[in-house]
Amino acid sequence: MSFTDEIFAIGEACLYIYLPKNAKKKKLNNNFLEKKLGTVATTRKLTIIKKLINRMD
């Protein structure tokens, strides 16, 4: 399976994914990850992550 433009990196307890353009149309999505990894997956836009971090400060 080809993941054109999609980049990922494995963290200690998470997987970081860069999905340029429309993430909903990408092959490397939550459904794919859940099936391959046997776990629940969720995604958040970087802007949302930044807002959550700001709320914790």
N, C-alpha and C. Protein backbone atom coordinates (compact mmCIF):
# COMPACT_ATOMS: atom_id res chain seq x y z
N MET A 1 0.85 -1.17 0.00
CA MET A 1 0.00 0.00 0.00
C MET A 1 0.90 1.23 0.00
N SER A 2 0.62 2.17 -0.85
CA SER A 2 1.41 3.40 -0.95
C SER A 2 0.75 4.53 -0.17
N PHE A 3 1.57 5.23 0.61
CA PHE A 3 1.09 6.35 1.40
C PHE A 3 1.77 7.62 0.91
N THR A 4 1.40 8.08 -0.27
CA THR A 4 1.99 9.26 -0.87
C THR A 4 1.74 10.48 0.01
N ASP A 5 2.78 11.24 0.28
CA ASP A 5 2.73 12.49 1.07
C ASP A 5 2.47 12.28 2.55
N GLU A 6 2.15 11.09 2.97
CA GLU A 6 1.83 10.84 4.37
C GLU A 6 3.10 10.45 5.12
N ILE A 7 3.34 11.08 6.25
CA ILE A 7 4.55 10.83 7.03
C ILE A 7 4.13 10.43 8.44
N PHE A 8 4.81 9.44 9.01
CA PHE A 8 4.50 9.08 10.39
C PHE A 8 5.78 8.80 11.17
N ALA A 9 5.69 8.96 12.48
CA ALA A 9 6.79 8.67 13.39
C ALA A 9 6.22 8.01 14.63
N ILE A 10 6.93 7.06 15.17
CA ILE A 10 6.47 6.33 16.34
C ILE A 10 7.04 6.95 17.60
N GLY A 11 6.14 7.31 18.52
CA GLY A 11 6.54 7.85 19.82
C GLY A 11 6.50 6.75 20.87
N GLU A 12 6.76 7.09 22.12
CA GLU A 12 6.74 6.09 23.21
C GLU A 12 5.37 5.45 23.38
N ALA A 13 4.33 6.27 23.37
CA ALA A 13 2.98 5.75 23.59
C ALA A 13 2.00 6.25 22.55
N CYS A 14 2.53 6.73 21.42
CA CYS A 14 1.63 7.26 20.39
C CYS A 14 2.29 7.21 19.02
N LEU A 15 1.50 7.51 18.03
CA LEU A 15 1.96 7.56 16.65
C LEU A 15 1.66 8.94 16.11
N TYR A 16 2.67 9.63 15.63
CA TYR A 16 2.50 10.96 15.06
C TYR A 16 2.36 10.83 13.55
N ILE A 17 1.33 11.46 13.00
CA ILE A 17 1.07 11.35 11.56
C ILE A 17 0.89 12.73 10.96
N TYR A 18 1.55 12.96 9.84
CA TYR A 18 1.37 14.19 9.07
C TYR A 18 0.59 13.83 7.82
N LEU A 19 -0.61 14.38 7.70
CA LEU A 19 -1.48 14.13 6.55
C LEU A 19 -1.77 15.45 5.86
N PRO A 20 -0.97 15.82 4.87
CA PRO A 20 -1.23 17.08 4.18
C PRO A 20 -2.54 17.04 3.41
N LYS A 21 -3.13 18.17 3.26
CA LYS A 21 -4.39 18.33 2.52
C LYS A 21 -5.54 17.68 3.26
N ASN A 22 -6.38 16.92 2.60
CA ASN A 22 -7.61 16.37 3.19
C ASN A 22 -7.35 15.03 3.87
N ALA A 23 -7.28 15.02 5.19
CA ALA A 23 -6.99 13.80 5.95
C ALA A 23 -8.07 12.74 5.78
N LYS A 24 -9.30 13.14 5.55
CA LYS A 24 -10.40 12.18 5.41
C LYS A 24 -10.22 11.27 4.20
N LYS A 25 -9.52 11.74 3.19
CA LYS A 25 -9.34 10.96 1.96
C LYS A 25 -8.05 10.14 1.96
N LYS A 26 -7.27 10.19 3.03
CA LYS A 26 -5.99 9.50 3.09
C LYS A 26 -6.18 8.02 3.44
N LYS A 27 -5.25 7.18 2.96
CA LYS A 27 -5.30 5.75 3.25
C LYS A 27 -4.85 5.45 4.67
N LEU A 28 -3.92 6.25 5.18
CA LEU A 28 -3.40 6.06 6.53
C LEU A 28 -4.34 6.79 7.50
N ASN A 29 -5.51 6.18 7.73
CA ASN A 29 -6.53 6.83 8.57
C ASN A 29 -6.81 5.98 9.82
N ASN A 30 -7.74 6.44 10.64
CA ASN A 30 -8.06 5.73 11.88
C ASN A 30 -8.47 4.28 11.65
N ASN A 31 -9.32 4.03 10.68
CA ASN A 31 -9.78 2.66 10.42
C ASN A 31 -8.61 1.74 10.09
N PHE A 32 -7.72 2.21 9.21
CA PHE A 32 -6.55 1.42 8.82
C PHE A 32 -5.68 1.13 10.04
N LEU A 33 -5.39 2.17 10.84
CA LEU A 33 -4.53 2.01 12.01
C LEU A 33 -5.15 1.08 13.05
N GLU A 34 -6.45 1.20 13.28
CA GLU A 34 -7.12 0.34 14.26
C GLU A 34 -7.03 -1.12 13.85
N LYS A 35 -7.22 -1.41 12.58
CA LYS A 35 -7.15 -2.79 12.09
C LYS A 35 -5.73 -3.34 12.18
N LYS A 36 -4.75 -2.56 11.77
CA LYS A 36 -3.36 -3.01 11.74
C LYS A 36 -2.74 -3.11 13.13
N LEU A 37 -3.07 -2.18 14.01
CA LEU A 37 -2.45 -2.13 15.34
C LEU A 37 -3.28 -2.79 16.43
N GLY A 38 -4.55 -3.08 16.12
CA GLY A 38 -5.41 -3.72 17.11
C GLY A 38 -5.70 -2.84 18.31
N THR A 39 -5.88 -1.55 18.06
CA THR A 39 -6.14 -0.60 19.14
C THR A 39 -7.08 0.49 18.65
N VAL A 40 -7.57 1.29 19.56
CA VAL A 40 -8.43 2.42 19.20
C VAL A 40 -7.55 3.57 18.74
N ALA A 41 -7.94 4.24 17.68
CA ALA A 41 -7.17 5.37 17.15
C ALA A 41 -8.05 6.62 17.11
N THR A 42 -7.42 7.75 17.29
CA THR A 42 -8.10 9.04 17.17
C THR A 42 -7.12 10.03 16.57
N THR A 43 -7.64 11.01 15.86
CA THR A 43 -6.77 12.03 15.25
C THR A 43 -7.26 13.42 15.65
N ARG A 44 -6.32 14.34 15.71
CA ARG A 44 -6.62 15.73 16.02
C ARG A 44 -5.78 16.62 15.12
N LYS A 45 -6.37 17.72 14.68
CA LYS A 45 -5.61 18.72 13.92
C LYS A 45 -4.62 19.39 14.86
N LEU A 46 -3.51 19.84 14.32
CA LEU A 46 -2.49 20.50 15.12
C LEU A 46 -3.04 21.74 15.83
N THR A 47 -3.95 22.46 15.19
CA THR A 47 -4.53 23.66 15.82
C THR A 47 -5.31 23.28 17.08
N ILE A 48 -5.99 22.15 17.06
CA ILE A 48 -6.74 21.69 18.23
C ILE A 48 -5.78 21.30 19.35
N ILE A 49 -4.71 20.61 19.01
CA ILE A 49 -3.71 20.23 20.01
C ILE A 49 -3.13 21.46 20.68
N LYS A 50 -2.82 22.48 19.90
CA LYS A 50 -2.27 23.73 20.46
C LYS A 50 -3.27 24.39 21.40
N LYS A 51 -4.56 24.38 21.04
CA LYS A 51 -5.59 24.97 21.90
C LYS A 51 -5.70 24.20 23.22
N LEU A 52 -5.62 22.88 23.15
CA LEU A 52 -5.69 22.07 24.37
C LEU A 52 -4.50 22.34 25.28
N ILE A 53 -3.33 22.47 24.70
CA ILE A 53 -2.13 22.78 25.49
C ILE A 53 -2.26 24.14 26.16
N ASN A 54 -2.77 25.12 25.42
CA ASN A 54 -2.96 26.46 25.99
C ASN A 54 -3.94 26.45 27.15
N ARG A 55 -4.96 25.63 27.09
CA ARG A 55 -5.94 25.54 28.18
C ARG A 55 -5.34 24.93 29.43
N MET A 56 -4.34 24.08 29.27
CA MET A 56 -3.71 23.44 30.42
C MET A 56 -2.73 24.36 31.13
N ASP A 57 -2.28 25.42 30.48
CA ASP A 57 -1.32 26.35 31.09
C ASP A 57 -1.94 27.20 32.17
